[in-house]
Protein backbone atom coordinates (compact mmCIF):
# COMPACT_ATOMS: atom_id res chain seq x y z
CA MET A 1 41.10 -28.84 12.60
CA LYS A 2 40.83 -32.82 11.49
CA PHE A 3 39.74 -33.59 8.12
CA GLY A 4 38.08 -36.72 7.29
CA LEU A 5 36.21 -38.59 4.61
CA PHE A 6 32.88 -40.49 4.47
CA GLY A 7 31.09 -42.45 1.35
CA GLY A 8 30.90 -45.91 -0.16
CA ALA A 9 31.69 -47.60 -3.61
CA ASN A 10 29.76 -49.09 -6.03
CA SER A 11 29.43 -52.76 -7.90
CA LYS A 12 26.01 -53.22 -9.49
CA ARG A 13 25.00 -56.43 -10.52
CA GLY A 14 24.01 -57.22 -13.64
CA GLY A 15 27.03 -58.52 -15.43
CA ALA A 16 28.84 -61.69 -16.03
CA ASN A 17 31.75 -60.84 -13.24
CA ALA A 18 31.30 -58.35 -10.52
CA ASP A 19 32.92 -55.02 -11.72
CA THR A 20 35.74 -54.00 -9.35
CA THR A 21 36.45 -50.57 -10.86
CA ASP A 22 34.91 -48.25 -8.42
CA TYR A 23 36.24 -50.08 -5.46
CA ARG A 24 39.48 -49.95 -6.57
CA ARG A 25 38.89 -46.46 -7.34
CA VAL A 26 37.82 -45.75 -3.93
CA ILE A 27 40.46 -47.68 -2.28
CA ASP A 28 43.49 -45.62 -4.83
CA MET A 29 41.66 -42.28 -3.19
CA ILE A 30 41.78 -43.37 0.88
CA ARG A 31 45.42 -44.19 -0.19
CA GLU A 32 46.01 -40.80 -1.55
CA ALA A 33 43.72 -38.98 1.33
CA ASP A 34 46.36 -41.31 3.40
CA ASP A 35 49.71 -39.31 2.29
CA LEU A 36 47.21 -36.19 2.05
CA GLY A 37 46.82 -35.91 5.63
CA PHE A 38 43.37 -36.76 6.07
CA HIS A 39 42.55 -37.88 9.19
CA SER A 40 39.95 -40.56 9.05
CA ILE A 41 37.44 -42.59 6.56
CA PHE A 42 34.21 -43.66 7.41
CA MET A 43 32.71 -46.08 5.24
CA VAL A 44 28.52 -46.26 4.92
CA GLU A 45 26.71 -49.77 5.14
CA HIS A 46 23.50 -49.88 2.95
CA HIS A 47 21.88 -53.32 1.27
CA PHE A 48 19.34 -54.04 -1.49
CA THR A 49 19.63 -50.58 -3.21
CA GLY A 50 20.06 -52.01 -6.17
CA ILE A 51 22.53 -49.33 -6.99
CA GLY A 52 25.76 -51.34 -5.54
CA GLN A 53 26.65 -50.09 -2.02
CA VAL A 54 29.14 -50.99 0.43
CA SER A 55 27.78 -53.58 2.61
CA ALA A 56 30.36 -55.48 4.02
CA THR A 57 31.79 -52.40 5.28
CA LEU A 58 34.36 -54.18 8.14
CA SER A 59 35.58 -56.55 5.74
CA MET A 60 36.63 -53.34 3.72
CA LEU A 61 38.25 -51.80 6.53
CA ALA A 62 40.32 -54.87 6.95
CA TYR A 63 41.42 -54.37 3.58
CA LEU A 64 42.40 -50.70 3.96
CA ALA A 65 44.38 -51.63 7.12
CA ALA A 66 46.60 -53.47 4.70
CA VAL A 67 47.11 -50.79 2.21
CA THR A 68 47.13 -47.61 4.70
CA LYS A 69 49.46 -46.35 7.55
CA ARG A 70 47.72 -43.40 9.25
CA ILE A 71 44.52 -42.70 8.46
CA ARG A 72 42.04 -43.73 11.03
CA LEU A 73 39.34 -46.33 9.56
CA GLY A 74 35.32 -45.83 10.87
CA THR A 75 32.46 -47.31 10.13
CA GLY A 76 29.65 -44.79 9.05
CA VAL A 77 27.98 -46.71 10.69
CA THR A 78 27.17 -50.54 11.58
CA VAL A 79 23.83 -50.88 11.46
CA LEU A 80 23.41 -53.14 14.67
CA PRO A 81 19.66 -54.58 14.09
CA TRP A 82 20.88 -56.11 10.73
CA HIS A 83 23.68 -57.88 12.78
CA ASN A 84 25.02 -60.47 15.24
CA PRO A 85 26.28 -58.37 17.56
CA VAL A 86 28.93 -61.21 18.85
CA LEU A 87 29.97 -61.58 14.81
CA VAL A 88 30.09 -57.99 14.57
CA ALA A 89 32.31 -57.79 17.78
CA GLU A 90 34.73 -60.01 16.43
CA GLN A 91 35.07 -58.68 13.09
CA ALA A 92 35.87 -55.26 14.65
CA ALA A 93 38.25 -56.23 16.94
CA THR A 94 39.84 -57.76 14.30
CA VAL A 95 39.51 -54.49 12.18
CA ASP A 96 41.09 -52.98 15.22
CA LEU A 97 43.92 -55.12 15.95
CA LEU A 98 45.29 -55.63 12.23
CA SER A 99 44.93 -51.69 11.76
CA ASN A 100 47.18 -50.99 15.23
CA GLY A 101 44.46 -49.47 16.93
CA ARG A 102 42.81 -47.32 14.21
CA LEU A 103 39.53 -47.99 14.31
CA ASP A 104 36.49 -45.86 14.74
CA PHE A 105 33.44 -47.70 15.63
CA GLY A 106 30.22 -45.83 14.18
CA VAL A 107 27.08 -47.68 15.22
CA GLY A 108 23.23 -46.74 14.49
CA ARG A 109 20.14 -48.45 14.14
CA GLY A 110 18.96 -48.01 10.25
CA TYR A 111 16.16 -45.58 9.02
CA ARG A 112 16.34 -47.21 5.30
CA ASP A 113 12.86 -48.71 4.92
CA LEU A 114 14.05 -51.12 2.00
CA GLU A 115 16.25 -52.24 3.95
CA PHE A 116 14.45 -53.05 7.16
CA HIS A 117 11.79 -54.85 4.39
CA GLY A 118 15.03 -57.01 2.70
CA PHE A 119 15.64 -58.44 6.13
CA ALA A 120 12.06 -59.03 7.33
CA MET A 121 12.37 -57.43 10.04
CA ASP A 122 10.06 -54.66 11.94
CA LYS A 123 11.14 -51.18 12.07
CA SER A 124 9.76 -50.86 15.61
CA GLU A 125 12.00 -53.50 16.44
CA ALA A 126 14.80 -51.19 15.86
CA GLU A 127 15.86 -49.38 19.11
CA GLY A 128 15.83 -52.52 21.25
CA ARG A 129 17.49 -54.51 18.53
CA TYR A 130 20.19 -51.55 18.53
CA ARG A 131 20.58 -50.92 22.66
CA GLU A 132 20.90 -54.85 23.49
CA SER A 133 23.06 -55.31 20.63
CA ILE A 134 25.68 -52.32 21.50
CA ASP A 135 25.35 -53.31 25.00
CA LEU A 136 26.72 -56.41 24.37
CA ILE A 137 29.52 -55.34 21.75
CA LEU A 138 30.77 -53.25 24.58
CA ARG A 139 30.79 -56.01 27.29
CA ALA A 140 32.56 -58.24 24.49
CA PHE A 141 35.03 -55.80 24.17
CA THR A 142 35.98 -55.04 27.53
CA SER A 143 35.38 -58.54 29.18
CA ASP A 144 38.64 -60.62 30.07
CA GLU A 145 36.33 -63.42 31.01
CA ARG A 146 33.89 -66.03 29.56
CA PHE A 147 30.18 -64.89 29.71
CA SER A 148 26.71 -65.34 28.94
CA HIS A 149 23.97 -63.11 28.01
CA ALA A 150 20.03 -63.95 27.55
CA GLY A 151 18.47 -60.93 25.99
CA LYS A 152 15.22 -60.27 24.58
CA TYR A 153 16.53 -60.64 20.66
CA TRP A 154 19.94 -62.48 21.39
CA LYS A 155 20.92 -65.41 23.24
CA PHE A 156 24.96 -66.60 23.87
CA ASP A 157 26.66 -69.03 26.51
CA ASP A 158 29.91 -69.26 28.02
CA ILE A 159 31.35 -66.93 25.34
CA ILE A 160 34.43 -64.88 25.43
CA VAL A 161 35.28 -62.28 22.04
CA GLU A 162 39.06 -62.70 20.62
CA PRO A 163 41.16 -61.03 19.62
CA PRO A 164 41.13 -58.29 22.15
CA THR A 165 41.14 -54.79 20.59
CA ILE A 166 44.16 -52.63 20.41
CA GLN A 167 42.61 -49.76 21.78
CA LYS A 168 41.60 -49.54 25.15
CA PRO A 169 39.02 -50.42 26.52
CA HIS A 170 37.57 -50.36 23.14
CA PRO A 171 37.53 -48.57 19.83
CA PRO A 172 35.90 -44.48 20.28
CA VAL A 173 31.97 -45.55 19.47
CA TRP A 174 30.55 -42.97 17.11
CA THR A 175 26.67 -42.60 16.41
CA ALA A 176 24.49 -40.39 14.09
CA ALA A 177 22.42 -37.83 16.11
CA GLY A 178 19.87 -35.90 14.49
CA SER A 179 16.71 -34.97 16.98
CA ASP A 180 17.44 -32.79 19.72
CA ASP A 181 16.20 -36.06 21.83
CA SER A 182 18.67 -38.22 20.32
CA ILE A 183 21.91 -35.76 20.77
CA ARG A 184 21.35 -35.73 24.50
CA ARG A 185 21.06 -39.48 24.89
CA VAL A 186 24.56 -40.15 22.90
CA ALA A 187 25.88 -37.21 24.92
CA ARG A 188 24.48 -39.80 28.42
CA ASP A 189 26.29 -42.85 26.56
CA GLY A 190 29.46 -41.41 26.74
CA TRP A 191 29.89 -41.78 23.16
CA ASN A 192 30.89 -39.45 20.23
CA VAL A 193 28.64 -37.76 18.24
CA MET A 194 28.37 -37.30 14.15
CA PHE A 195 26.05 -34.70 12.59
CA ASP A 196 24.76 -35.29 9.20
CA GLN A 197 25.24 -33.65 5.74
CA PHE A 198 21.82 -32.66 4.89
CA ALA A 199 21.32 -29.89 7.70
CA ASN A 200 21.92 -26.28 6.96
CA ILE A 201 23.83 -24.04 9.70
CA ALA A 202 21.38 -22.93 11.29
CA ARG A 203 20.05 -26.41 12.33
CA THR A 204 23.55 -27.32 12.70
CA GLN A 205 24.69 -24.88 15.41
CA GLU A 206 21.26 -25.50 17.14
CA ARG A 207 22.78 -28.85 17.74
CA LEU A 208 25.93 -28.20 18.61
CA ALA A 209 24.55 -25.95 20.89
CA ILE A 210 22.42 -29.02 22.75
CA TRP A 211 25.37 -31.19 22.44
CA ARG A 212 27.33 -28.63 24.75
CA ASP A 213 24.62 -27.99 27.16
CA GLU A 214 23.84 -32.16 27.63
CA CYS A 215 27.86 -31.96 28.28
CA LYS A 216 28.00 -29.51 30.68
CA ALA A 217 25.05 -30.54 32.29
CA LEU A 218 26.25 -34.28 32.65
CA GLY A 219 30.07 -32.69 34.06
CA ARG A 220 31.79 -33.85 30.69
CA THR A 221 34.33 -32.30 29.66
CA TYR A 222 33.52 -31.02 25.97
CA ASP A 223 36.02 -32.31 23.42
CA PRO A 224 35.74 -31.07 19.59
CA MET A 225 36.92 -34.27 18.44
CA GLN A 226 34.47 -36.00 19.51
CA VAL A 227 31.79 -34.53 17.82
CA CYS A 228 32.09 -34.11 13.95
CA VAL A 229 29.58 -32.52 11.12
CA ALA A 230 29.63 -34.01 7.51
CA ARG A 231 29.48 -31.93 4.37
CA GLY A 232 29.32 -32.62 0.89
CA LEU A 233 32.14 -30.90 -1.01
CA THR A 234 32.12 -29.63 -4.47
CA ILE A 235 35.22 -26.54 -5.31
CA VAL A 236 34.71 -24.76 -8.39
CA LYS A 237 36.42 -22.46 -10.95
CA SER A 238 33.62 -20.15 -11.96
CA ASP A 239 30.06 -18.74 -11.09
CA GLU A 240 29.17 -20.85 -13.69
CA GLU A 241 30.08 -24.43 -11.75
CA TYR A 242 28.89 -22.73 -8.85
CA ARG A 243 25.62 -22.35 -10.23
CA LYS A 244 25.60 -25.68 -11.50
CA ALA A 245 26.74 -27.48 -8.18
CA LEU A 246 23.87 -25.88 -6.21
CA GLU A 247 21.73 -27.28 -8.58
CA ALA A 248 23.14 -31.10 -8.77
CA ARG A 249 22.85 -31.04 -4.92
CA HIS A 250 19.22 -30.16 -5.02
CA LEU A 251 18.71 -32.72 -7.42
CA ARG A 252 20.93 -35.51 -5.81
CA THR A 253 18.85 -34.71 -2.21
CA VAL A 254 15.69 -34.92 -4.08
CA ASN A 255 16.30 -38.02 -6.05
CA PHE A 256 17.67 -39.67 -2.14
CA ILE A 257 14.26 -39.19 -1.16
CA LYS A 258 12.50 -40.56 -3.88
CA GLU A 259 14.45 -43.82 -3.85
CA PHE A 260 14.44 -44.12 -0.48
CA GLY A 261 11.34 -43.00 1.14
CA ASN A 262 13.72 -40.27 3.79
CA LEU A 263 16.09 -38.80 5.20
CA PRO A 264 17.37 -39.80 8.29
CA GLY A 265 15.76 -36.84 10.06
CA GLN A 266 12.98 -34.63 7.79
CA THR A 267 10.18 -31.97 8.24
CA GLY A 268 9.30 -29.14 6.93
CA ALA A 269 8.81 -27.79 2.69
CA LYS A 270 9.64 -30.79 0.70
CA PRO A 271 9.04 -31.56 -3.21
CA ALA A 272 5.90 -32.31 -4.69
CA GLY A 273 4.91 -35.77 -3.88
CA VAL A 274 7.68 -36.78 -1.78
CA GLN A 275 7.00 -38.24 2.08
CA LEU A 276 9.91 -37.55 4.41
CA GLN A 277 10.38 -38.55 7.93
CA PRO A 278 9.36 -36.29 10.36
CA GLN A 279 12.33 -35.32 12.77
CA SER A 280 14.67 -32.31 12.49
CA TYR A 281 15.71 -30.73 9.38
CA SER A 282 14.97 -26.70 8.46
CA ASP A 283 11.98 -25.53 6.36
CA ASN A 284 13.84 -24.64 3.62
CA LEU A 285 16.24 -27.95 3.17
CA PHE A 286 16.02 -27.61 -0.55
CA GLU A 287 16.76 -24.11 -1.24
CA ASP A 288 19.40 -23.30 1.82
CA GLU A 289 22.64 -24.41 0.40
CA THR A 290 25.21 -23.72 3.67
CA GLY A 291 24.73 -27.33 4.24
CA ALA A 292 26.87 -28.43 2.01
CA LEU A 293 30.99 -26.64 1.23
CA ILE A 294 30.66 -25.28 -2.23
CA GLY A 295 32.66 -22.56 -4.28
CA LYS A 296 36.34 -22.02 -5.15
CA PRO A 297 38.85 -22.48 -2.63
CA GLY A 298 38.61 -19.07 -1.02
CA GLN A 299 34.90 -19.61 -0.68
CA VAL A 300 35.09 -23.09 0.83
CA ILE A 301 37.68 -21.74 3.60
CA ARG A 302 35.04 -19.26 4.57
CA GLN A 303 31.96 -21.60 4.42
CA ILE A 304 34.62 -23.77 7.23
CA GLU A 305 35.60 -21.21 9.46
CA VAL A 306 31.82 -20.97 10.47
CA LEU A 307 31.60 -23.84 11.30
CA ARG A 308 35.27 -23.56 13.19
CA ASP A 309 33.87 -20.52 15.06
CA MET A 310 30.90 -22.34 16.33
CA GLY A 311 33.27 -25.20 18.07
CA PHE A 312 33.46 -27.59 15.23
CA GLU A 313 37.30 -28.82 14.72
CA TYR A 314 36.23 -31.80 13.02
CA ILE A 315 34.81 -32.19 9.61
CA LEU A 316 33.56 -35.32 7.55
CA LEU A 317 33.95 -34.55 3.96
CA LEU A 318 31.75 -36.47 0.60
CA MET A 319 34.29 -38.44 -0.58
CA PRO A 320 34.43 -36.35 -4.57
CA ASN A 321 34.38 -38.90 -7.82
CA ASP A 322 37.40 -36.40 -8.98
CA PRO A 323 40.54 -37.02 -6.59
CA GLU A 324 41.86 -33.62 -7.81
CA ILE A 325 39.40 -31.86 -5.10
CA LEU A 326 41.19 -34.07 -2.60
CA ARG A 327 44.35 -32.63 -3.66
CA ILE A 328 43.49 -29.46 -4.07
CA PHE A 329 41.20 -29.43 -0.69
CA ALA A 330 44.94 -30.84 0.85
CA ARG A 331 47.01 -27.95 -0.83
CA GLU A 332 45.06 -24.85 -0.70
CA ILE A 333 42.54 -25.50 2.17
CA MET A 334 43.81 -27.94 4.92
CA PRO A 335 47.11 -25.27 5.81
CA HIS A 336 44.71 -22.79 6.68
CA PHE A 337 43.20 -24.40 9.71
CA ALA A 338 46.40 -25.94 10.55
CA ARG A 339 46.33 -23.70 14.05
CA GLU A 340 45.81 -24.12 17.48
CA SER A 341 42.68 -25.65 18.85
CA VAL A 342 39.32 -22.88 19.02
CA ALA A 343 38.51 -25.12 22.09
CA ALA A 344 41.68 -24.86 23.13
CA LYS A 345 41.64 -20.98 23.56
């Protein structure tokens, strides 16, 4: 099995100077994760939150390319409707070059109303902008000849994107998918899929089954390294810490929805007064702890075994605040899963 990380860093406005403390903390943690044997880091992209989140993901990955050796560097995700696609292609290719082919190119269409409002963009255009942009970016990655483009949202004349990517034909394309239809669409596109950190075990198993079935229908070989699932991670020492960790996860989820209006997708039970975006979550999201890895090392091992036995061999862990959590995970949990691929068996 492979274990990666996902998350961001904070530097909130308000002081006389930019506070780089958390950026440095996150960078140091990723450098240590590289040494500990973690497979990847996917950096989020968000804007206008007022709580300070990574807004220039590819710039941060370019820096990480210089201070890491092996860990793969992913965008999780670059929200294409907000960007000039040719500039994104150039920046992504530069990261792939500087990292010697370690870029994982995660893309998405966005979901936070706050961000679409900030960019003064009609959210109904997101899908069209996303599809036009990714088609153009992939053409830019693979074309050795100059070309022009005249689409609904973008127009370019006589261009060629440089530098070329190290990975051929281009860096792996990842995208998040939650609903049944979106999972099938990613499989048809030939890309890799990410499943989010919110859905419980039952819904996560449904999603993987849909992915497998669609791959089979397409004649696409199921590759466990082309599908990953994200999970929050809390390692505790006592039953009391376990109880507090469950309460903290519940509170984080509720506050997330109150702050941003929705999860990447949701139906069913919800906190009073909280509006959820309808898509693909279970009715008991707020009572079911199986959407996260929480417990003592032995408990976390058993929780991961459930995912492994489903067919998952690639898990992304939410970056903890304390790097000691990563050290415990690498020392006491990762060796348990350094075995032959389940898919190979």
